[in-house]
């Protein structure tokens, strides 16, 4: 059963970019800022005290199931 909020293509791309930048994080104020804020609201990303977004554990899981098409561990 599908119980996760739908991610627009742009938000899926922003989530993928968060995995690519790793610990460096993505700075606030870029074109994908609205998507990063939406991902934060969904618990898939967080804004650090240095003003950069990073992926959360939930975001890593969602990236694996939705973007990499891996099966969920649950």
C-alpha atoms as a PDB file:
ATOM      1  CA  UNK A   1       0.000   0.000   0.000  1.00  0.00           C
ATOM      2  CA  UNK A   2       1.246   3.458  -0.914  1.00  0.00           C
ATOM      3  CA  UNK A   3       1.310   5.744   2.129  1.00  0.00           C
ATOM      4  CA  UNK A   4       4.061   8.257   1.363  1.00  0.00           C
ATOM      5  CA  UNK A   5       3.446  11.781   0.040  1.00  0.00           C
ATOM      6  CA  UNK A   6       4.054  12.175  -3.674  1.00  0.00           C
ATOM      7  CA  UNK A   7       7.314  13.883  -4.621  1.00  0.00           C
ATOM      8  CA  UNK A   8       7.295  16.109  -7.690  1.00  0.00           C
ATOM      9  CA  UNK A   9      10.068  15.468 -10.199  1.00  0.00           C
ATOM     10  CA  UNK A  10      11.908  18.602  -9.081  1.00  0.00           C
ATOM     11  CA  UNK A  11      11.818  17.474  -5.436  1.00  0.00           C
ATOM     12  CA  UNK A  12      13.031  14.009  -6.392  1.00  0.00           C
ATOM     13  CA  UNK A  13      15.959  15.668  -8.170  1.00  0.00           C
ATOM     14  CA  UNK A  14      16.703  17.816  -5.118  1.00  0.00           C
ATOM     15  CA  UNK A  15      16.660  14.695  -2.928  1.00  0.00           C
ATOM     16  CA  UNK A  16      19.099  13.003  -5.306  1.00  0.00           C
ATOM     17  CA  UNK A  17      21.392  16.047  -5.268  1.00  0.00           C
ATOM     18  CA  UNK A  18      21.464  15.834  -1.465  1.00  0.00           C
ATOM     19  CA  UNK A  19      22.866  12.318  -1.753  1.00  0.00           C
ATOM     20  CA  UNK A  20      25.474  13.453  -4.263  1.00  0.00           C
ATOM     21  CA  UNK A  21      26.859  16.304  -2.133  1.00  0.00           C
ATOM     22  CA  UNK A  22      27.091  14.146   0.990  1.00  0.00           C
ATOM     23  CA  UNK A  23      28.427  15.787   4.142  1.00  0.00           C
ATOM     24  CA  UNK A  24      29.097  19.101   2.401  1.00  0.00           C
ATOM     25  CA  UNK A  25      25.356  19.752   2.112  1.00  0.00           C
ATOM     26  CA  UNK A  26      23.467  22.072  -0.231  1.00  0.00           C
ATOM     27  CA  UNK A  27      23.415  25.778   0.525  1.00  0.00           C
ATOM     28  CA  UNK A  28      20.128  27.558   1.080  1.00  0.00           C
ATOM     29  CA  UNK A  29      19.049  30.081  -1.558  1.00  0.00           C
ATOM     30  CA  UNK A  30      19.545  27.990  -4.701  1.00  0.00           C
ATOM     31  CA  UNK A  31      16.861  27.351  -7.333  1.00  0.00           C
ATOM     32  CA  UNK A  32      15.891  24.099  -5.620  1.00  0.00           C
ATOM     33  CA  UNK A  33      15.329  25.925  -2.294  1.00  0.00           C
ATOM     34  CA  UNK A  34      11.537  25.429  -2.342  1.00  0.00           C
ATOM     35  CA  UNK A  35      12.038  21.693  -2.881  1.00  0.00           C
ATOM     36  CA  UNK A  36      14.620  21.485  -0.108  1.00  0.00           C
ATOM     37  CA  UNK A  37      12.162  23.230   2.210  1.00  0.00           C
ATOM     38  CA  UNK A  38       9.430  20.776   1.194  1.00  0.00           C
ATOM     39  CA  UNK A  39      11.799  17.853   1.801  1.00  0.00           C
ATOM     40  CA  UNK A  40      12.572  19.321   5.219  1.00  0.00           C
ATOM     41  CA  UNK A  41       8.854  19.503   5.986  1.00  0.00           C
ATOM     42  CA  UNK A  42       8.540  15.829   5.059  1.00  0.00           C
ATOM     43  CA  UNK A  43      11.478  14.903   7.300  1.00  0.00           C
ATOM     44  CA  UNK A  44      13.656  13.881   4.348  1.00  0.00           C
ATOM     45  CA  UNK A  45      16.146  16.743   4.750  1.00  0.00           C
ATOM     46  CA  UNK A  46      17.204  19.155   7.478  1.00  0.00           C
ATOM     47  CA  UNK A  47      18.674  22.637   7.515  1.00  0.00           C
ATOM     48  CA  UNK A  48      21.882  22.712   9.524  1.00  0.00           C
ATOM     49  CA  UNK A  49      23.047  25.628  11.645  1.00  0.00           C
ATOM     50  CA  UNK A  50      25.565  26.555   8.905  1.00  0.00           C
ATOM     51  CA  UNK A  51      22.706  27.193   6.445  1.00  0.00           C
ATOM     52  CA  UNK A  52      23.172  24.019   4.413  1.00  0.00           C
ATOM     53  CA  UNK A  53      20.663  21.245   3.838  1.00  0.00           C
ATOM     54  CA  UNK A  54      21.587  17.621   4.430  1.00  0.00           C
ATOM     55  CA  UNK A  55      19.708  14.403   3.893  1.00  0.00           C
ATOM     56  CA  UNK A  56      18.177  12.603   6.869  1.00  0.00           C
ATOM     57  CA  UNK A  57      18.017   8.850   7.457  1.00  0.00           C
ATOM     58  CA  UNK A  58      14.409   8.944   6.261  1.00  0.00           C
ATOM     59  CA  UNK A  59      15.579  10.797   3.150  1.00  0.00           C
ATOM     60  CA  UNK A  60      18.228   8.181   2.465  1.00  0.00           C
ATOM     61  CA  UNK A  61      15.589   5.457   2.781  1.00  0.00           C
ATOM     62  CA  UNK A  62      13.168   7.295   0.482  1.00  0.00           C
ATOM     63  CA  UNK A  63      15.948   7.908  -2.052  1.00  0.00           C
ATOM     64  CA  UNK A  64      16.720   4.204  -2.085  1.00  0.00           C
ATOM     65  CA  UNK A  65      13.127   3.081  -2.577  1.00  0.00           C
ATOM     66  CA  UNK A  66      11.873   5.789  -4.923  1.00  0.00           C
ATOM     67  CA  UNK A  67      14.882   6.889  -6.939  1.00  0.00           C
ATOM     68  CA  UNK A  68      17.185   3.870  -6.858  1.00  0.00           C
ATOM     69  CA  UNK A  69      14.153   1.520  -6.844  1.00  0.00           C
ATOM     70  CA  UNK A  70      15.479  -0.618  -4.003  1.00  0.00           C
ATOM     71  CA  UNK A  71      13.057  -2.523  -1.844  1.00  0.00           C
ATOM     72  CA  UNK A  72      12.370  -1.143   1.595  1.00  0.00           C
ATOM     73  CA  UNK A  73      13.862  -2.997   4.546  1.00  0.00           C
ATOM     74  CA  UNK A  74      10.500  -2.806   6.336  1.00  0.00           C
END
